[in-house]
């Protein structure tokens, strides 16, 4: 697996993805909006979030570049809107990497199952690098 780039935008992700699709002449991406996710009756999705992009990706010259909008109310700082996405096929390996990265860092989201991954978590490491760690459902090995 590779370490991929993850870019976050402030409500203009769709425009950026369409621009990069044209610039790099890539295939049109599949786009998942926040409104597409499974609804949780305990947490109502704000109407302003429904059409914002939760996740999409482009294959650019052999690299995967992933994109999303920030969720309404989440902080956005231009320049700090880039993270590294580490995708793994082994749960135990991901847990080990997660534990090492969180030493001296700040956990954004504890490792947990999500509707898109067997395990997902995010950490800002002690150097200020933001990591998104996941074991995707279709690739999981225990």
N, C-alpha and C. Protein backbone atom coordinates (compact mmCIF):
# COMPACT_ATOMS: atom_id res chain seq x y z
N UNK A 1 0.85 -1.18 0.00
CA UNK A 1 0.00 0.00 0.00
C UNK A 1 0.89 1.23 0.00
N UNK A 2 0.32 2.32 -0.43
CA UNK A 2 1.06 3.58 -0.52
C UNK A 2 0.52 4.58 0.50
N UNK A 3 1.30 5.61 0.75
CA UNK A 3 0.83 6.75 1.52
C UNK A 3 0.33 7.76 0.51
N UNK A 4 -0.93 8.16 0.62
CA UNK A 4 -1.54 9.05 -0.34
C UNK A 4 -1.72 10.45 0.25
N UNK A 5 -1.94 11.41 -0.61
CA UNK A 5 -2.18 12.79 -0.20
C UNK A 5 -3.67 12.99 -0.04
N UNK A 6 -4.06 13.73 1.01
CA UNK A 6 -5.47 14.03 1.25
C UNK A 6 -5.60 15.54 1.39
N UNK A 7 -6.36 16.16 0.49
CA UNK A 7 -6.56 17.61 0.50
C UNK A 7 -7.96 17.93 1.01
N UNK A 8 -8.04 18.92 1.88
CA UNK A 8 -9.32 19.33 2.45
C UNK A 8 -9.62 20.76 2.01
N UNK A 9 -10.87 20.99 1.65
CA UNK A 9 -11.30 22.29 1.15
C UNK A 9 -12.43 22.86 2.00
N UNK A 10 -12.64 24.15 1.86
CA UNK A 10 -13.67 24.84 2.62
C UNK A 10 -14.86 25.16 1.72
N UNK A 11 -15.69 24.14 1.49
CA UNK A 11 -16.93 24.26 0.70
C UNK A 11 -16.71 24.40 -0.80
N UNK A 12 -15.48 24.25 -1.28
CA UNK A 12 -15.24 24.36 -2.72
C UNK A 12 -14.52 23.13 -3.27
N UNK A 13 -14.69 22.00 -2.61
CA UNK A 13 -14.03 20.77 -3.03
C UNK A 13 -14.51 20.33 -4.41
N UNK A 14 -15.79 20.38 -4.64
CA UNK A 14 -16.33 19.94 -5.93
C UNK A 14 -15.70 20.75 -7.07
N UNK A 15 -15.61 22.05 -6.89
CA UNK A 15 -14.99 22.92 -7.90
C UNK A 15 -13.52 22.54 -8.11
N UNK A 16 -12.80 22.28 -7.02
CA UNK A 16 -11.39 21.90 -7.12
C UNK A 16 -11.22 20.56 -7.83
N UNK A 17 -12.04 19.58 -7.49
CA UNK A 17 -11.94 18.26 -8.11
C UNK A 17 -12.25 18.35 -9.61
N UNK A 18 -13.28 19.10 -9.96
CA UNK A 18 -13.59 19.28 -11.38
C UNK A 18 -12.43 19.96 -12.12
N UNK A 19 -11.81 20.93 -11.48
CA UNK A 19 -10.66 21.62 -12.06
C UNK A 19 -9.50 20.65 -12.28
N UNK A 20 -9.13 19.88 -11.23
CA UNK A 20 -8.00 18.95 -11.35
C UNK A 20 -8.31 17.82 -12.32
N UNK A 21 -9.56 17.41 -12.41
CA UNK A 21 -9.96 16.38 -13.39
C UNK A 21 -9.67 16.87 -14.80
N UNK A 22 -9.99 18.13 -15.04
CA UNK A 22 -9.74 18.71 -16.36
C UNK A 22 -8.24 18.94 -16.60
N UNK A 23 -7.56 19.49 -15.61
CA UNK A 23 -6.13 19.79 -15.76
C UNK A 23 -5.33 18.54 -16.09
N UNK A 24 -5.58 17.46 -15.32
CA UNK A 24 -4.80 16.23 -15.48
C UNK A 24 -5.46 15.21 -16.39
N UNK A 25 -6.60 15.59 -16.97
CA UNK A 25 -7.34 14.73 -17.90
C UNK A 25 -7.56 13.33 -17.33
N UNK A 26 -8.08 13.31 -16.11
CA UNK A 26 -8.34 12.04 -15.44
C UNK A 26 -9.79 11.63 -15.64
N UNK A 27 -10.06 10.39 -15.27
CA UNK A 27 -11.43 9.88 -15.32
C UNK A 27 -12.27 10.61 -14.28
N UNK A 28 -13.54 10.86 -14.59
CA UNK A 28 -14.43 11.50 -13.62
C UNK A 28 -14.52 10.65 -12.36
N UNK A 29 -14.35 11.27 -11.20
CA UNK A 29 -14.34 10.48 -9.96
C UNK A 29 -15.74 10.17 -9.44
N UNK A 30 -15.82 9.14 -8.61
CA UNK A 30 -17.03 8.88 -7.83
C UNK A 30 -16.98 9.82 -6.64
N UNK A 31 -18.06 10.49 -6.38
CA UNK A 31 -18.10 11.47 -5.29
C UNK A 31 -19.10 11.01 -4.24
N UNK A 32 -18.66 11.01 -2.97
CA UNK A 32 -19.52 10.69 -1.84
C UNK A 32 -19.74 11.98 -1.04
N UNK A 33 -20.99 12.38 -0.90
CA UNK A 33 -21.29 13.57 -0.12
C UNK A 33 -21.61 13.19 1.32
N UNK A 34 -21.60 14.17 2.21
CA UNK A 34 -22.00 13.90 3.59
C UNK A 34 -23.44 13.41 3.63
N UNK A 35 -24.28 13.88 2.71
CA UNK A 35 -25.67 13.45 2.65
C UNK A 35 -25.83 12.00 2.21
N UNK A 36 -24.80 11.44 1.57
CA UNK A 36 -24.86 10.04 1.12
C UNK A 36 -24.64 9.04 2.25
N UNK A 37 -24.05 9.49 3.35
CA UNK A 37 -23.72 8.55 4.42
C UNK A 37 -24.97 8.07 5.14
N UNK A 38 -24.83 6.95 5.81
CA UNK A 38 -25.95 6.39 6.58
C UNK A 38 -26.35 7.39 7.65
N UNK A 39 -27.64 7.61 7.78
CA UNK A 39 -28.10 8.57 8.78
C UNK A 39 -28.12 7.95 10.16
N UNK A 40 -27.75 8.75 11.14
CA UNK A 40 -27.77 8.35 12.53
C UNK A 40 -28.86 9.17 13.20
N UNK A 41 -29.90 8.51 13.74
CA UNK A 41 -31.01 9.26 14.34
C UNK A 41 -30.58 10.13 15.54
N UNK A 42 -29.44 9.80 16.14
CA UNK A 42 -28.95 10.59 17.28
C UNK A 42 -28.21 11.84 16.83
N UNK A 43 -27.85 11.89 15.55
CA UNK A 43 -27.11 13.04 15.04
C UNK A 43 -27.69 13.46 13.70
N UNK A 44 -28.36 14.56 13.69
CA UNK A 44 -28.97 15.05 12.45
C UNK A 44 -27.92 15.81 11.64
N UNK A 45 -27.88 15.52 10.37
CA UNK A 45 -26.93 16.16 9.46
C UNK A 45 -27.43 17.57 9.15
N UNK A 46 -26.58 18.59 9.36
CA UNK A 46 -27.01 19.95 9.00
C UNK A 46 -27.31 20.03 7.49
N UNK A 47 -28.34 20.74 7.13
CA UNK A 47 -28.73 20.86 5.73
C UNK A 47 -27.58 21.37 4.87
N UNK A 48 -26.78 22.29 5.41
CA UNK A 48 -25.67 22.87 4.65
C UNK A 48 -24.58 21.85 4.32
N UNK A 49 -24.59 20.70 5.00
CA UNK A 49 -23.56 19.68 4.78
C UNK A 49 -23.95 18.66 3.72
N UNK A 50 -25.22 18.55 3.41
CA UNK A 50 -25.71 17.47 2.56
C UNK A 50 -24.99 17.32 1.22
N UNK A 51 -24.70 18.41 0.54
CA UNK A 51 -24.07 18.33 -0.78
C UNK A 51 -22.56 18.56 -0.76
N UNK A 52 -22.01 18.77 0.43
CA UNK A 52 -20.56 18.92 0.52
C UNK A 52 -19.91 17.55 0.35
N UNK A 53 -18.70 17.55 -0.20
CA UNK A 53 -18.02 16.29 -0.49
C UNK A 53 -17.37 15.74 0.77
N UNK A 54 -17.76 14.50 1.09
CA UNK A 54 -17.16 13.80 2.21
C UNK A 54 -15.87 13.11 1.76
N UNK A 55 -15.89 12.57 0.53
CA UNK A 55 -14.70 11.87 0.02
C UNK A 55 -14.79 11.65 -1.48
N UNK A 56 -13.67 11.86 -2.14
CA UNK A 56 -13.49 11.46 -3.53
C UNK A 56 -12.00 11.34 -3.78
N UNK A 57 -11.63 10.77 -4.91
CA UNK A 57 -10.22 10.61 -5.23
C UNK A 57 -9.99 10.68 -6.72
N UNK A 58 -8.78 11.12 -7.07
CA UNK A 58 -8.35 11.13 -8.47
C UNK A 58 -7.05 10.35 -8.59
N UNK A 59 -6.90 9.63 -9.68
CA UNK A 59 -5.62 8.98 -10.00
C UNK A 59 -4.89 9.96 -10.92
N UNK A 60 -3.79 10.51 -10.41
CA UNK A 60 -3.02 11.50 -11.17
C UNK A 60 -1.61 10.96 -11.37
N UNK A 61 -1.32 10.55 -12.60
CA UNK A 61 0.02 10.09 -12.96
C UNK A 61 0.56 9.04 -11.99
N UNK A 62 -0.27 8.08 -11.61
CA UNK A 62 0.17 7.00 -10.74
C UNK A 62 0.03 7.27 -9.26
N UNK A 63 -0.37 8.48 -8.89
CA UNK A 63 -0.58 8.82 -7.48
C UNK A 63 -2.07 8.95 -7.21
N UNK A 64 -2.47 8.61 -6.00
CA UNK A 64 -3.85 8.82 -5.59
C UNK A 64 -3.91 10.09 -4.77
N UNK A 65 -4.75 11.01 -5.19
CA UNK A 65 -4.98 12.24 -4.44
C UNK A 65 -6.44 12.22 -4.01
N UNK A 66 -6.65 12.32 -2.70
CA UNK A 66 -8.01 12.27 -2.16
C UNK A 66 -8.44 13.66 -1.71
N UNK A 67 -9.75 13.87 -1.69
CA UNK A 67 -10.30 15.19 -1.44
C UNK A 67 -11.53 15.12 -0.55
N UNK A 68 -11.77 16.19 0.22
CA UNK A 68 -13.03 16.35 0.93
C UNK A 68 -13.22 17.81 1.30
N UNK A 69 -14.46 18.15 1.64
CA UNK A 69 -14.76 19.45 2.24
C UNK A 69 -14.66 19.29 3.75
N UNK A 70 -14.42 20.38 4.46
CA UNK A 70 -14.51 20.32 5.91
C UNK A 70 -15.99 20.23 6.27
N UNK A 71 -16.27 19.58 7.36
CA UNK A 71 -17.64 19.49 7.84
C UNK A 71 -18.00 20.85 8.43
N UNK A 72 -19.22 21.35 8.19
CA UNK A 72 -19.61 22.66 8.74
C UNK A 72 -19.32 22.75 10.24
N UNK A 73 -18.67 23.82 10.63
CA UNK A 73 -18.31 24.03 12.03
C UNK A 73 -16.92 23.54 12.38
N UNK A 74 -16.31 22.73 11.50
CA UNK A 74 -14.95 22.25 11.75
C UNK A 74 -13.96 23.32 11.32
N UNK A 75 -12.84 23.40 12.02
CA UNK A 75 -11.86 24.43 11.66
C UNK A 75 -11.22 24.16 10.31
N UNK A 76 -10.92 25.23 9.59
CA UNK A 76 -10.24 25.14 8.31
C UNK A 76 -9.17 26.21 8.29
N UNK A 77 -7.93 25.80 8.06
CA UNK A 77 -6.82 26.74 7.96
C UNK A 77 -6.09 26.47 6.67
N UNK A 78 -6.11 27.44 5.76
CA UNK A 78 -5.40 27.29 4.50
C UNK A 78 -3.92 27.06 4.81
N UNK A 79 -3.35 26.02 4.23
CA UNK A 79 -1.96 25.66 4.51
C UNK A 79 -1.89 24.42 5.40
N UNK A 80 -2.89 24.22 6.25
CA UNK A 80 -2.95 23.03 7.11
C UNK A 80 -4.02 22.08 6.61
N UNK A 81 -4.37 22.21 5.35
CA UNK A 81 -5.46 21.42 4.80
C UNK A 81 -4.95 20.22 4.00
N UNK A 82 -3.75 19.76 4.34
CA UNK A 82 -3.17 18.60 3.68
C UNK A 82 -2.85 17.56 4.75
N UNK A 83 -3.25 16.32 4.50
CA UNK A 83 -2.90 15.24 5.41
C UNK A 83 -2.40 14.05 4.59
N UNK A 84 -1.77 13.12 5.27
CA UNK A 84 -1.31 11.90 4.63
C UNK A 84 -2.26 10.78 5.00
N UNK A 85 -2.66 10.02 4.00
CA UNK A 85 -3.61 8.92 4.22
C UNK A 85 -2.86 7.60 4.08
N UNK A 86 -2.76 6.88 5.21
CA UNK A 86 -2.10 5.58 5.22
C UNK A 86 -3.18 4.52 5.23
N UNK A 87 -3.20 3.70 4.19
CA UNK A 87 -4.17 2.62 4.10
C UNK A 87 -3.43 1.30 4.22
N UNK A 88 -3.95 0.43 5.03
CA UNK A 88 -3.29 -0.82 5.36
C UNK A 88 -4.28 -1.96 5.17
N UNK A 89 -3.75 -3.17 5.01
CA UNK A 89 -4.63 -4.33 4.88
C UNK A 89 -4.68 -5.15 6.17
N UNK A 90 -3.81 -4.84 7.14
CA UNK A 90 -3.73 -5.62 8.37
C UNK A 90 -4.12 -4.79 9.59
N UNK A 91 -5.14 -5.24 10.29
CA UNK A 91 -5.65 -4.53 11.46
C UNK A 91 -4.55 -4.37 12.51
N UNK A 92 -3.84 -5.43 12.85
CA UNK A 92 -2.81 -5.37 13.90
C UNK A 92 -1.69 -4.40 13.52
N UNK A 93 -1.30 -4.40 12.27
CA UNK A 93 -0.26 -3.49 11.81
C UNK A 93 -0.73 -2.04 11.94
N UNK A 94 -1.97 -1.77 11.56
CA UNK A 94 -2.49 -0.41 11.66
C UNK A 94 -2.55 0.04 13.13
N UNK A 95 -2.99 -0.85 14.01
CA UNK A 95 -3.07 -0.51 15.43
C UNK A 95 -1.68 -0.17 15.98
N UNK A 96 -0.66 -0.90 15.56
CA UNK A 96 0.71 -0.65 16.00
C UNK A 96 1.20 0.72 15.52
N UNK A 97 0.95 1.03 14.26
CA UNK A 97 1.34 2.33 13.69
C UNK A 97 0.60 3.46 14.39
N UNK A 98 -0.67 3.26 14.64
CA UNK A 98 -1.50 4.26 15.34
C UNK A 98 -0.91 4.57 16.72
N UNK A 99 -0.59 3.53 17.47
CA UNK A 99 -0.04 3.72 18.82
C UNK A 99 1.29 4.48 18.78
N UNK A 100 2.12 4.18 17.81
CA UNK A 100 3.41 4.88 17.70
C UNK A 100 3.22 6.34 17.31
N UNK A 101 2.32 6.61 16.35
CA UNK A 101 2.10 7.98 15.90
C UNK A 101 1.48 8.86 16.98
N UNK A 102 0.68 8.28 17.85
CA UNK A 102 -0.01 9.11 18.83
C UNK A 102 0.88 9.51 20.02
N UNK A 103 2.06 8.88 20.16
CA UNK A 103 2.99 9.28 21.23
C UNK A 103 3.48 10.70 20.96
N UNK A 104 3.10 11.61 21.84
CA UNK A 104 3.47 13.01 21.69
C UNK A 104 2.59 13.77 20.72
N UNK A 105 1.61 13.07 20.13
CA UNK A 105 0.71 13.70 19.17
C UNK A 105 -0.66 13.95 19.76
N UNK A 106 -1.60 14.31 18.90
CA UNK A 106 -2.97 14.58 19.30
C UNK A 106 -3.91 13.73 18.46
N UNK A 107 -4.75 12.98 19.14
CA UNK A 107 -5.72 12.13 18.44
C UNK A 107 -6.89 12.99 17.98
N UNK A 108 -7.17 12.93 16.69
CA UNK A 108 -8.34 13.62 16.13
C UNK A 108 -9.56 12.72 16.20
N UNK A 109 -9.33 11.42 15.95
CA UNK A 109 -10.41 10.43 16.02
C UNK A 109 -9.77 9.10 16.39
N UNK A 110 -10.24 8.53 17.49
CA UNK A 110 -9.75 7.22 17.92
C UNK A 110 -10.01 6.19 16.83
N UNK A 111 -9.18 5.16 16.77
CA UNK A 111 -9.42 4.07 15.83
C UNK A 111 -10.79 3.46 16.11
N UNK A 112 -11.58 3.33 15.07
CA UNK A 112 -12.92 2.77 15.23
C UNK A 112 -13.46 2.30 13.88
N UNK A 113 -14.47 1.46 13.94
CA UNK A 113 -15.12 1.03 12.71
C UNK A 113 -16.01 2.16 12.22
N UNK A 114 -16.02 2.34 10.91
CA UNK A 114 -16.90 3.32 10.28
C UNK A 114 -17.67 2.61 9.18
N UNK A 115 -18.56 3.31 8.54
CA UNK A 115 -19.31 2.65 7.46
C UNK A 115 -18.45 2.45 6.23
N UNK A 116 -17.28 3.09 6.13
CA UNK A 116 -16.42 2.91 4.97
C UNK A 116 -15.16 2.11 5.28
N UNK A 117 -14.86 1.86 6.54
CA UNK A 117 -13.62 1.16 6.88
C UNK A 117 -13.79 0.27 8.10
N UNK A 118 -13.03 -0.84 8.12
CA UNK A 118 -13.01 -1.69 9.32
C UNK A 118 -12.44 -0.91 10.49
N UNK A 119 -11.40 -0.14 10.23
CA UNK A 119 -10.80 0.73 11.23
C UNK A 119 -10.42 2.04 10.57
N UNK A 120 -10.67 3.13 11.27
CA UNK A 120 -10.27 4.45 10.80
C UNK A 120 -9.94 5.29 12.01
N UNK A 121 -8.90 6.08 11.90
CA UNK A 121 -8.55 7.03 12.95
C UNK A 121 -7.69 8.13 12.37
N UNK A 122 -7.60 9.24 13.10
CA UNK A 122 -6.74 10.33 12.64
C UNK A 122 -5.92 10.87 13.80
N UNK A 123 -4.71 11.26 13.48
CA UNK A 123 -3.76 11.75 14.48
C UNK A 123 -2.96 12.88 13.87
N UNK A 124 -2.70 13.91 14.67
CA UNK A 124 -1.68 14.90 14.32
C UNK A 124 -0.47 14.50 15.14
N UNK A 125 0.60 14.11 14.46
CA UNK A 125 1.77 13.60 15.19
C UNK A 125 2.55 14.73 15.86
N UNK A 126 3.58 14.37 16.59
CA UNK A 126 4.34 15.36 17.37
C UNK A 126 5.05 16.39 16.50
N UNK A 127 5.10 16.17 15.19
CA UNK A 127 5.71 17.13 14.28
C UNK A 127 4.66 18.00 13.57
N UNK A 128 3.39 17.78 13.89
CA UNK A 128 2.31 18.56 13.28
C UNK A 128 1.78 17.98 11.99
N UNK A 129 2.22 16.76 11.62
CA UNK A 129 1.74 16.10 10.41
C UNK A 129 0.43 15.39 10.73
N UNK A 130 -0.57 15.63 9.90
CA UNK A 130 -1.88 15.01 10.09
C UNK A 130 -1.91 13.69 9.32
N UNK A 131 -2.27 12.61 10.02
CA UNK A 131 -2.35 11.27 9.43
C UNK A 131 -3.78 10.77 9.51
N UNK A 132 -4.27 10.22 8.41
CA UNK A 132 -5.54 9.49 8.38
C UNK A 132 -5.18 8.03 8.15
N UNK A 133 -5.55 7.18 9.07
CA UNK A 133 -5.16 5.77 9.04
C UNK A 133 -6.39 4.91 8.84
N UNK A 134 -6.30 3.94 7.93
CA UNK A 134 -7.48 3.09 7.74
C UNK A 134 -7.14 1.70 7.22
N UNK A 135 -8.04 0.79 7.57
CA UNK A 135 -8.08 -0.54 6.98
C UNK A 135 -9.43 -0.59 6.27
N UNK A 136 -9.39 -0.60 4.96
CA UNK A 136 -10.63 -0.59 4.18
C UNK A 136 -11.31 -1.95 4.23
N UNK A 137 -12.62 -1.93 4.28
CA UNK A 137 -13.41 -3.17 4.42
C UNK A 137 -13.04 -4.24 3.39
N UNK A 138 -12.85 -3.84 2.15
CA UNK A 138 -12.59 -4.84 1.11
C UNK A 138 -11.16 -5.39 1.16
N UNK A 139 -10.27 -4.74 1.91
CA UNK A 139 -8.87 -5.17 1.96
C UNK A 139 -8.47 -5.81 3.29
N UNK A 140 -9.37 -5.84 4.25
CA UNK A 140 -9.02 -6.23 5.60
C UNK A 140 -8.51 -7.66 5.73
N UNK A 141 -7.44 -7.78 6.50
CA UNK A 141 -6.88 -9.08 6.87
C UNK A 141 -6.64 -9.04 8.38
N UNK A 142 -7.06 -10.04 9.05
CA UNK A 142 -6.90 -10.07 10.50
C UNK A 142 -5.81 -11.02 10.84
